[in-house]
Amino acid sequence: MRTAIELTNDQRSSLRSLAAQRGLRGYAKLIQEAVDLYIQEMMAKEGNARLLLKKRGTWNKEDSRNFQKKLREIRKSWKIP
């Protein structure tokens, strides 16, 4: 399906460059891949949030410490624009 999206000049330029590196004539395939990844990530986050809510009040101290440790590790990779 075709649709229109708004891109900055920098985004368009980067997409054209990436497409050329992969031997693609356009960047539609890259956009499709990006949308797929975004959807997967959002679905995973929603699933994780539901799991966490189901576990509310069921963690012992060790579970809580393990979760906090993993959360700290994840936050190290966060990028703030």
PDB file of N, CA and C in Angstrom:
ATOM      1  N   MET A   1       0.840  -1.173   0.000  1.00  0.00           N
ATOM      2  CA  MET A   1       0.000   0.000   0.000  1.00  0.00           C
ATOM      3  C   MET A   1       0.890   1.243   0.000  1.00  0.00           C
ATOM      4  N   ARG A   2       0.517   2.206  -0.738  1.00  0.00           N
ATOM      5  CA  ARG A   2       1.273   3.455  -0.789  1.00  0.00           C
ATOM      6  C   ARG A   2       0.696   4.445   0.213  1.00  0.00           C
ATOM      7  N   THR A   3       1.578   5.255   0.771  1.00  0.00           N
ATOM      8  CA  THR A   3       1.157   6.309   1.685  1.00  0.00           C
ATOM      9  C   THR A   3       2.192   7.428   1.619  1.00  0.00           C
ATOM     10  N   ALA A   4       1.831   8.569   2.148  1.00  0.00           N
ATOM     11  CA  ALA A   4       2.757   9.711   2.168  1.00  0.00           C
ATOM     12  C   ALA A   4       3.227   9.929   3.605  1.00  0.00           C
ATOM     13  N   ILE A   5       4.503  10.219   3.756  1.00  0.00           N
ATOM     14  CA  ILE A   5       5.051  10.534   5.072  1.00  0.00           C
ATOM     15  C   ILE A   5       5.901  11.797   4.952  1.00  0.00           C
ATOM     16  N   GLU A   6       6.061  12.462   6.048  1.00  0.00           N
ATOM     17  CA  GLU A   6       6.889  13.664   6.091  1.00  0.00           C
ATOM     18  C   GLU A   6       8.269  13.281   6.613  1.00  0.00           C
ATOM     19  N   LEU A   7       9.300  13.649   5.875  1.00  0.00           N
ATOM     20  CA  LEU A   7      10.681  13.408   6.278  1.00  0.00           C
ATOM     21  C   LEU A   7      11.441  14.722   6.233  1.00  0.00           C
ATOM     22  N   THR A   8      12.411  14.843   7.127  1.00  0.00           N
ATOM     23  CA  THR A   8      13.304  15.991   7.040  1.00  0.00           C
ATOM     24  C   THR A   8      14.283  15.743   5.891  1.00  0.00           C
ATOM     25  N   ASN A   9      14.954  16.768   5.469  1.00  0.00           N
ATOM     26  CA  ASN A   9      15.959  16.608   4.418  1.00  0.00           C
ATOM     27  C   ASN A   9      17.066  15.648   4.860  1.00  0.00           C
ATOM     28  N   ASP A  10      17.457  15.754   6.118  1.00  0.00           N
ATOM     29  CA  ASP A  10      18.497  14.855   6.643  1.00  0.00           C
ATOM     30  C   ASP A  10      18.033  13.397   6.644  1.00  0.00           C
ATOM     31  N   GLN A  11      16.779  13.157   7.041  1.00  0.00           N
ATOM     32  CA  GLN A  11      16.254  11.797   7.039  1.00  0.00           C
ATOM     33  C   GLN A  11      16.221  11.236   5.617  1.00  0.00           C
ATOM     34  N   ARG A  12      15.746  12.016   4.682  1.00  0.00           N
ATOM     35  CA  ARG A  12      15.670  11.575   3.290  1.00  0.00           C
ATOM     36  C   ARG A  12      17.061  11.272   2.749  1.00  0.00           C
ATOM     37  N   SER A  13      17.999  12.155   3.039  1.00  0.00           N
ATOM     38  CA  SER A  13      19.370  11.963   2.575  1.00  0.00           C
ATOM     39  C   SER A  13      19.974  10.682   3.163  1.00  0.00           C
ATOM     40  N   SER A  14      19.769  10.474   4.450  1.00  0.00           N
ATOM     41  CA  SER A  14      20.288   9.270   5.108  1.00  0.00           C
ATOM     42  C   SER A  14      19.658   8.008   4.524  1.00  0.00           C
ATOM     43  N   LEU A  15      18.359   8.051   4.287  1.00  0.00           N
ATOM     44  CA  LEU A  15      17.683   6.889   3.714  1.00  0.00           C
ATOM     45  C   LEU A  15      18.194   6.583   2.308  1.00  0.00           C
ATOM     46  N   ARG A  16      18.388   7.619   1.507  1.00  0.00           N
ATOM     47  CA  ARG A  16      18.905   7.406   0.147  1.00  0.00           C
ATOM     48  C   ARG A  16      20.301   6.787   0.198  1.00  0.00           C
ATOM     49  N   SER A  17      21.118   7.261   1.125  1.00  0.00           N
ATOM     50  CA  SER A  17      22.473   6.741   1.269  1.00  0.00           C
ATOM     51  C   SER A  17      22.449   5.271   1.701  1.00  0.00           C
ATOM     52  N   LEU A  18      21.625   4.957   2.697  1.00  0.00           N
ATOM     53  CA  LEU A  18      21.515   3.574   3.161  1.00  0.00           C
ATOM     54  C   LEU A  18      20.984   2.666   2.053  1.00  0.00           C
ATOM     55  N   ALA A  19      20.013   3.143   1.313  1.00  0.00           N
ATOM     56  CA  ALA A  19      19.459   2.351   0.212  1.00  0.00           C
ATOM     57  C   ALA A  19      20.531   2.082  -0.840  1.00  0.00           C
ATOM     58  N   ALA A  20      21.314   3.100  -1.167  1.00  0.00           N
ATOM     59  CA  ALA A  20      22.384   2.926  -2.158  1.00  0.00           C
ATOM     60  C   ALA A  20      23.412   1.908  -1.683  1.00  0.00           C
ATOM     61  N   GLN A  21      23.738   1.951  -0.398  1.00  0.00           N
ATOM     62  CA  GLN A  21      24.703   1.001   0.159  1.00  0.00           C
ATOM     63  C   GLN A  21      24.205  -0.436   0.036  1.00  0.00           C
ATOM     64  N   ARG A  22      22.894  -0.604   0.087  1.00  0.00           N
ATOM     65  CA  ARG A  22      22.302  -1.938  -0.015  1.00  0.00           C
ATOM     66  C   ARG A  22      21.914  -2.293  -1.447  1.00  0.00           C
ATOM     67  N   GLY A  23      22.192  -1.392  -2.365  1.00  0.00           N
ATOM     68  CA  GLY A  23      21.887  -1.658  -3.766  1.00  0.00           C
ATOM     69  C   GLY A  23      20.416  -1.510  -4.108  1.00  0.00           C
ATOM     70  N   LEU A  24      19.686  -0.764  -3.320  1.00  0.00           N
ATOM     71  CA  LEU A  24      18.265  -0.533  -3.572  1.00  0.00           C
ATOM     72  C   LEU A  24      18.077   0.731  -4.399  1.00  0.00           C
ATOM     73  N   ARG A  25      17.069   0.730  -5.251  1.00  0.00           N
ATOM     74  CA  ARG A  25      16.809   1.911  -6.091  1.00  0.00           C
ATOM     75  C   ARG A  25      16.088   3.011  -5.317  1.00  0.00           C
ATOM     76  N   GLY A  26      15.311   2.627  -4.341  1.00  0.00           N
ATOM     77  CA  GLY A  26      14.579   3.591  -3.512  1.00  0.00           C
ATOM     78  C   GLY A  26      14.705   3.193  -2.053  1.00  0.00           C
ATOM     79  N   TYR A  27      13.996   3.905  -1.209  1.00  0.00           N
ATOM     80  CA  TYR A  27      14.110   3.615   0.217  1.00  0.00           C
ATOM     81  C   TYR A  27      12.814   3.097   0.843  1.00  0.00           C
ATOM     82  N   ALA A  28      11.855   2.709   0.024  1.00  0.00           N
ATOM     83  CA  ALA A  28      10.592   2.173   0.550  1.00  0.00           C
ATOM     84  C   ALA A  28      10.826   0.926   1.407  1.00  0.00           C
ATOM     85  N   LYS A  29      11.716   0.041   0.972  1.00  0.00           N
ATOM     86  CA  LYS A  29      12.018  -1.186   1.731  1.00  0.00           C
ATOM     87  C   LYS A  29      12.575  -0.834   3.114  1.00  0.00           C
ATOM     88  N   LEU A  30      13.418   0.196   3.183  1.00  0.00           N
ATOM     89  CA  LEU A  30      13.975   0.620   4.472  1.00  0.00           C
ATOM     90  C   LEU A  30      12.874   1.144   5.398  1.00  0.00           C
ATOM     91  N   ILE A  31      11.939   1.888   4.821  1.00  0.00           N
ATOM     92  CA  ILE A  31      10.821   2.413   5.611  1.00  0.00           C
ATOM     93  C   ILE A  31       9.983   1.252   6.143  1.00  0.00           C
ATOM     94  N   GLN A  32       9.712   0.260   5.296  1.00  0.00           N
ATOM     95  CA  GLN A  32       8.942  -0.909   5.732  1.00  0.00           C
ATOM     96  C   GLN A  32       9.657  -1.629   6.877  1.00  0.00           C
ATOM     97  N   GLU A  33      10.953  -1.820   6.757  1.00  0.00           N
ATOM     98  CA  GLU A  33      11.718  -2.482   7.810  1.00  0.00           C
ATOM     99  C   GLU A  33      11.669  -1.683   9.104  1.00  0.00           C
ATOM    100  N   ALA A  34      11.779  -0.371   8.992  1.00  0.00           N
ATOM    101  CA  ALA A  34      11.743   0.481  10.184  1.00  0.00           C
ATOM    102  C   ALA A  34      10.376   0.405  10.867  1.00  0.00           C
ATOM    103  N   VAL A  35       9.312   0.406  10.091  1.00  0.00           N
ATOM    104  CA  VAL A  35       7.964   0.315  10.660  1.00  0.00           C
ATOM    105  C   VAL A  35       7.776  -1.046  11.330  1.00  0.00           C
ATOM    106  N   ASP A  36       8.244  -2.110  10.681  1.00  0.00           N
ATOM    107  CA  ASP A  36       8.150  -3.446  11.282  1.00  0.00           C
ATOM    108  C   ASP A  36       8.871  -3.500  12.622  1.00  0.00           C
ATOM    109  N   LEU A  37      10.089  -2.956  12.662  1.00  0.00           N
ATOM    110  CA  LEU A  37      10.853  -2.954  13.919  1.00  0.00           C
ATOM    111  C   LEU A  37      10.147  -2.144  14.999  1.00  0.00           C
ATOM    112  N   TYR A  38       9.598  -1.004  14.618  1.00  0.00           N
ATOM    113  CA  TYR A  38       8.886  -0.155  15.570  1.00  0.00           C
ATOM    114  C   TYR A  38       7.676  -0.900  16.148  1.00  0.00           C
ATOM    115  N   ILE A  39       6.900  -1.538  15.271  1.00  0.00           N
ATOM    116  CA  ILE A  39       5.722  -2.272  15.727  1.00  0.00           C
ATOM    117  C   ILE A  39       6.127  -3.395  16.671  1.00  0.00           C
ATOM    118  N   GLN A  40       7.154  -4.148  16.316  1.00  0.00           N
ATOM    119  CA  GLN A  40       7.626  -5.235  17.181  1.00  0.00           C
ATOM    120  C   GLN A  40       8.048  -4.709  18.546  1.00  0.00           C
ATOM    121  N   GLU A  41       8.772  -3.597  18.544  1.00  0.00           N
ATOM    122  CA  GLU A  41       9.242  -3.021  19.805  1.00  0.00           C
ATOM    123  C   GLU A  41       8.076  -2.561  20.671  1.00  0.00           C
ATOM    124  N   MET A  42       7.104  -1.902  20.062  1.00  0.00           N
ATOM    125  CA  MET A  42       5.951  -1.420  20.830  1.00  0.00           C
ATOM    126  C   MET A  42       5.121  -2.581  21.366  1.00  0.00           C
ATOM    127  N   MET A  43       4.947  -3.629  20.561  1.00  0.00           N
ATOM    128  CA  MET A  43       4.192  -4.794  21.014  1.00  0.00           C
ATOM    129  C   MET A  43       4.923  -5.459  22.187  1.00  0.00           C
ATOM    130  N   ALA A  44       6.237  -5.559  22.102  1.00  0.00           N
ATOM    131  CA  ALA A  44       7.022  -6.155  23.180  1.00  0.00           C
ATOM    132  C   ALA A  44       6.901  -5.322  24.450  1.00  0.00           C
ATOM    133  N   LYS A  45       6.976  -3.996  24.310  1.00  0.00           N
ATOM    134  CA  LYS A  45       6.868  -3.130  25.485  1.00  0.00           C
ATOM    135  C   LYS A  45       5.498  -3.279  26.136  1.00  0.00           C
ATOM    136  N   GLU A  46       4.442  -3.322  25.315  1.00  0.00           N
ATOM    137  CA  GLU A  46       3.099  -3.483  25.870  1.00  0.00           C
ATOM    138  C   GLU A  46       2.966  -4.826  26.578  1.00  0.00           C
ATOM    139  N   GLY A  47       3.531  -5.866  25.957  1.00  0.00           N
ATOM    140  CA  GLY A  47       3.500  -7.191  26.577  1.00  0.00           C
ATOM    141  C   GLY A  47       4.250  -7.205  27.891  1.00  0.00           C
ATOM    142  N   ASN A  48       5.395  -6.551  27.923  1.00  0.00           N
ATOM    143  CA  ASN A  48       6.184  -6.480  29.157  1.00  0.00           C
ATOM    144  C   ASN A  48       5.435  -5.717  30.237  1.00  0.00           C
ATOM    145  N   ALA A  49       4.778  -4.636  29.852  1.00  0.00           N
ATOM    146  CA  ALA A  49       4.026  -3.852  30.835  1.00  0.00           C
ATOM    147  C   ALA A  49       2.894  -4.679  31.426  1.00  0.00           C
ATOM    148  N   ARG A  50       2.194  -5.439  30.578  1.00  0.00           N
ATOM    149  CA  ARG A  50       1.108  -6.298  31.079  1.00  0.00           C
ATOM    150  C   ARG A  50       1.647  -7.360  32.037  1.00  0.00           C
ATOM    151  N   LEU A  51       2.779  -7.950  31.672  1.00  0.00           N
ATOM    152  CA  LEU A  51       3.380  -8.951  32.553  1.00  0.00           C
ATOM    153  C   LEU A  51       3.756  -8.347  33.899  1.00  0.00           C
ATOM    154  N   LEU A  52       4.326  -7.153  33.864  1.00  0.00           N
ATOM    155  CA  LEU A  52       4.718  -6.501  35.115  1.00  0.00           C
ATOM    156  C   LEU A  52       3.500  -6.225  35.996  1.00  0.00           C
ATOM    157  N   LEU A  53       2.412  -5.761  35.377  1.00  0.00           N
ATOM    158  CA  LEU A  53       1.209  -5.478  36.162  1.00  0.00           C
ATOM    159  C   LEU A  53       0.635  -6.760  36.772  1.00  0.00           C
ATOM    160  N   LYS A  54       0.717  -7.864  36.055  1.00  0.00           N
ATOM    161  CA  LYS A  54       0.236  -9.138  36.598  1.00  0.00           C
ATOM    162  C   LYS A  54       1.089  -9.578  37.786  1.00  0.00           C
ATOM    163  N   LYS A  55       2.363  -9.232  37.772  1.00  0.00           N
ATOM    164  CA  LYS A  55       3.290  -9.645  38.821  1.00  0.00           C
ATOM    165  C   LYS A  55       3.257  -8.722  40.035  1.00  0.00           C
ATOM    166  N   ARG A  56       2.519  -7.638  39.942  1.00  0.00           N
ATOM    167  CA  ARG A  56       2.510  -6.654  41.027  1.00  0.00           C
ATOM    168  C   ARG A  56       2.236  -7.321  42.378  1.00  0.00           C
ATOM    169  N   GLY A  57       3.140  -7.075  43.294  1.00  0.00           N
ATOM    170  CA  GLY A  57       2.991  -7.595  44.645  1.00  0.00           C
ATOM    171  C   GLY A  57       3.452  -9.035  44.821  1.00  0.00           C
ATOM    172  N   THR A  58       3.980  -9.656  43.757  1.00  0.00           N
ATOM    173  CA  THR A  58       4.366 -11.066  43.855  1.00  0.00           C
ATOM    174  C   THR A  58       5.873 -11.276  43.923  1.00  0.00           C
ATOM    175  N   TRP A  59       6.635 -10.229  43.782  1.00  0.00           N
ATOM    176  CA  TRP A  59       8.089 -10.376  43.779  1.00  0.00           C
ATOM    177  C   TRP A  59       8.640 -10.415  45.192  1.00  0.00           C
ATOM    178  N   ASN A  60       9.596 -11.287  45.390  1.00  0.00           N
ATOM    179  CA  ASN A  60      10.313 -11.291  46.655  1.00  0.00           C
ATOM    180  C   ASN A  60      11.491 -10.319  46.517  1.00  0.00           C
ATOM    181  N   LYS A  61      12.283 -10.191  47.563  1.00  0.00           N
ATOM    182  CA  LYS A  61      13.392  -9.228  47.536  1.00  0.00           C
ATOM    183  C   LYS A  61      14.401  -9.553  46.445  1.00  0.00           C
ATOM    184  N   GLU A  62      14.687 -10.831  46.241  1.00  0.00           N
ATOM    185  CA  GLU A  62      15.653 -11.221  45.210  1.00  0.00           C
ATOM    186  C   GLU A  62      15.127 -10.872  43.815  1.00  0.00           C
ATOM    187  N   ASP A  63      13.845 -11.153  43.554  1.00  0.00           N
ATOM    188  CA  ASP A  63      13.252 -10.798  42.265  1.00  0.00           C
ATOM    189  C   ASP A  63      13.343  -9.288  42.027  1.00  0.00           C
ATOM    190  N   SER A  64      13.043  -8.550  43.076  1.00  0.00           N
ATOM    191  CA  SER A  64      13.078  -7.097  42.975  1.00  0.00           C
ATOM    192  C   SER A  64      14.490  -6.594  42.674  1.00  0.00           C
ATOM    193  N   ARG A  65      15.484  -7.140  43.351  1.00  0.00           N
ATOM    194  CA  ARG A  65      16.874  -6.744  43.111  1.00  0.00           C
ATOM    195  C   ARG A  65      17.304  -7.097  41.689  1.00  0.00           C
ATOM    196  N   ASN A  66      16.929  -8.289  41.224  1.00  0.00           N
ATOM    197  CA  ASN A  66      17.277  -8.691  39.857  1.00  0.00           C
ATOM    198  C   ASN A  66      16.650  -7.763  38.824  1.00  0.00           C
ATOM    199  N   PHE A  67      15.397  -7.407  39.057  1.00  0.00           N
ATOM    200  CA  PHE A  67      14.723  -6.504  38.134  1.00  0.00           C
ATOM    201  C   PHE A  67      15.402  -5.133  38.131  1.00  0.00           C
ATOM    202  N   GLN A  68      15.703  -4.617  39.294  1.00  0.00           N
ATOM    203  CA  GLN A  68      16.358  -3.311  39.377  1.00  0.00           C
ATOM    204  C   GLN A  68      17.706  -3.335  38.670  1.00  0.00           C
ATOM    205  N   LYS A  69      18.444  -4.431  38.805  1.00  0.00           N
ATOM    206  CA  LYS A  69      19.743  -4.564  38.136  1.00  0.00           C
ATOM    207  C   LYS A  69      19.568  -4.546  36.619  1.00  0.00           C
ATOM    208  N   LYS A  70      18.616  -5.324  36.115  1.00  0.00           N
ATOM    209  CA  LYS A  70      18.364  -5.355  34.673  1.00  0.00           C
ATOM    210  C   LYS A  70      17.909  -3.996  34.167  1.00  0.00           C
ATOM    211  N   LEU A  71      17.063  -3.324  34.950  1.00  0.00           N
ATOM    212  CA  LEU A  71      16.584  -2.007  34.560  1.00  0.00           C
ATOM    213  C   LEU A  71      17.735  -1.007  34.465  1.00  0.00           C
ATOM    214  N   ARG A  72      18.665  -1.053  35.418  1.00  0.00           N
ATOM    215  CA  ARG A  72      19.834  -0.168  35.356  1.00  0.00           C
ATOM    216  C   ARG A  72      20.655  -0.439  34.099  1.00  0.00           C
ATOM    217  N   GLU A  73      20.815  -1.722  33.756  1.00  0.00           N
ATOM    218  CA  GLU A  73      21.565  -2.079  32.548  1.00  0.00           C
ATOM    219  C   GLU A  73      20.883  -1.545  31.295  1.00  0.00           C
ATOM    220  N   ILE A  74      19.573  -1.669  31.234  1.00  0.00           N
ATOM    221  CA  ILE A  74      18.811  -1.167  30.080  1.00  0.00           C
ATOM    222  C   ILE A  74      18.946   0.344  29.978  1.00  0.00           C
ATOM    223  N   ARG A  75      18.825   1.016  31.104  1.00  0.00           N
ATOM    224  CA  ARG A  75      18.884   2.476  31.087  1.00  0.00           C
ATOM    225  C   ARG A  75      20.238   3.005  30.629  1.00  0.00           C
ATOM    226  N   LYS A  76      21.288   2.239  30.793  1.00  0.00           N
ATOM    227  CA  LYS A  76      22.614   2.657  30.324  1.00  0.00           C
ATOM    228  C   LYS A  76      22.632   2.843  28.809  1.00  0.00           C
ATOM    229  N   SER A  77      21.786   2.106  28.104  1.00  0.00           N
ATOM    230  CA  SER A  77      21.764   2.191  26.645  1.00  0.00           C
ATOM    231  C   SER A  77      20.800   3.252  26.130  1.00  0.00           C
ATOM    232  N   TRP A  78      20.045   3.894  27.003  1.00  0.00           N
ATOM    233  CA  TRP A  78      19.099   4.921  26.562  1.00  0.00           C
ATOM    234  C   TRP A  78      19.848   6.113  26.026  1.00  0.00           C
ATOM    235  N   LYS A  79      19.317   6.696  24.978  1.00  0.00           N
ATOM    236  CA  LYS A  79      19.906   7.892  24.398  1.00  0.00           C
ATOM    237  C   LYS A  79      18.930   9.043  24.535  1.00  0.00           C
ATOM    238  N   ILE A  80      19.395  10.128  25.053  1.00  0.00           N
ATOM    239  CA  ILE A  80      18.568  11.310  25.212  1.00  0.00           C
ATOM    240  C   ILE A  80      18.908  12.284  24.088  1.00  0.00           C
ATOM    241  N   PRO A  81      17.893  12.630  23.280  1.00  0.00           N
ATOM    242  CA  PRO A  81      18.168  13.529  22.143  1.00  0.00           C
ATOM    243  C   PRO A  81      18.610  14.911  22.568  1.00  0.00           C
TER     244      PRO A  81
END
